[in-house]
Protein backbone atom coordinates (compact mmCIF):
# COMPACT_ATOMS: atom_id res chain seq x y z
CA UNK A 1 43.61 -11.65 -12.30
CA UNK A 2 46.39 -9.99 -10.30
CA UNK A 3 46.67 -6.40 -9.21
CA UNK A 4 47.91 -3.89 -6.65
CA UNK A 5 45.69 -2.03 -4.22
CA UNK A 6 45.72 1.68 -5.03
CA UNK A 7 43.33 2.73 -2.25
CA UNK A 8 40.96 1.18 0.28
CA UNK A 9 38.65 2.81 2.85
CA UNK A 10 37.83 0.38 5.67
CA UNK A 11 34.89 2.55 6.80
CA UNK A 12 33.04 2.25 3.47
CA UNK A 13 34.81 -0.97 2.38
CA UNK A 14 35.38 0.55 -1.07
CA UNK A 15 38.56 1.14 -2.98
CA UNK A 16 40.46 0.74 -6.23
CA UNK A 17 42.85 -1.96 -7.43
CA UNK A 18 45.16 -1.50 -10.42
CA UNK A 19 44.83 -4.63 -12.56
CA UNK A 20 47.91 -6.05 -14.24
CA UNK A 21 49.48 -5.92 -16.76
CA UNK A 22 48.19 -2.51 -17.89
CA UNK A 23 47.29 -1.04 -14.45
CA UNK A 24 43.63 -0.58 -15.37
CA UNK A 25 41.67 0.73 -12.34
CA UNK A 26 39.02 -1.69 -11.08
CA UNK A 27 36.61 -0.81 -8.25
CA UNK A 28 36.57 -2.74 -5.00
CA UNK A 29 33.00 -2.85 -3.75
CA UNK A 30 31.73 -3.44 -0.21
CA UNK A 31 31.41 -7.21 -0.75
CA UNK A 32 34.81 -7.70 -2.39
CA UNK A 33 36.44 -9.16 0.73
CA UNK A 34 33.58 -11.55 1.58
CA UNK A 35 34.94 -15.04 2.11
CA UNK A 36 38.58 -13.93 2.04
CA UNK A 37 41.18 -13.85 4.82
CA UNK A 38 41.36 -10.04 4.55
CA UNK A 39 39.63 -7.66 6.94
CA UNK A 40 41.22 -4.64 5.27
CA UNK A 41 43.62 -3.83 2.42
CA UNK A 42 46.64 -1.54 2.28
CA UNK A 43 47.87 0.57 -0.65
CA UNK A 44 50.59 -1.31 -2.52
CA UNK A 45 49.32 -4.72 -1.41
CA UNK A 46 49.34 -7.35 -4.19
CA UNK A 47 46.12 -9.36 -4.51
CA UNK A 48 44.41 -11.86 -6.80
CA UNK A 49 40.79 -11.28 -7.71
CA UNK A 50 38.08 -11.99 -10.23
CA UNK A 51 36.30 -9.33 -12.26
CA UNK A 52 32.51 -9.07 -12.46
CA UNK A 53 30.30 -6.42 -14.03
CA UNK A 54 28.42 -4.17 -11.63
CA UNK A 55 26.18 -1.49 -13.15
CA UNK A 56 28.07 -1.89 -16.44
CA UNK A 57 31.49 -1.30 -14.90
CA UNK A 58 34.18 -3.81 -13.89
CA UNK A 59 34.33 -4.63 -10.18
CA UNK A 60 36.83 -6.78 -8.26
CA UNK A 61 35.27 -9.76 -6.45
CA UNK A 62 36.58 -12.85 -4.61
CA UNK A 63 39.76 -11.12 -3.42
CA UNK A 64 42.46 -13.52 -2.22
CA UNK A 65 46.22 -13.87 -1.81
CA UNK A 66 46.61 -16.83 -4.13
CA UNK A 67 48.10 -19.42 -1.80
CA UNK A 68 45.81 -22.36 -1.12
CA UNK A 69 42.82 -20.44 -2.48
CA UNK A 70 42.89 -17.77 0.20
C-alpha cells in the first residue's frame, strides 16, 4: 500500500500515514521502521507499507521506499 506521512515523532517513533487512495489515517507504531532504510520520517514523505492489525486497529508495518525492496 502507498501513502503519505502526516506526522512522525522520532522520540516516540510513532506517527500517522495517510493511506491512498482515500487518505485513510493509519498508525505508525514504534516497530514500523524496523528493517527499513529509514531512521526517521518527514511529513509529506511518500512511503510504501503493509497494513497489520494491532489491538483491532490498522497499523503500518514494513515501511519502505519501493525501489529494490527498501
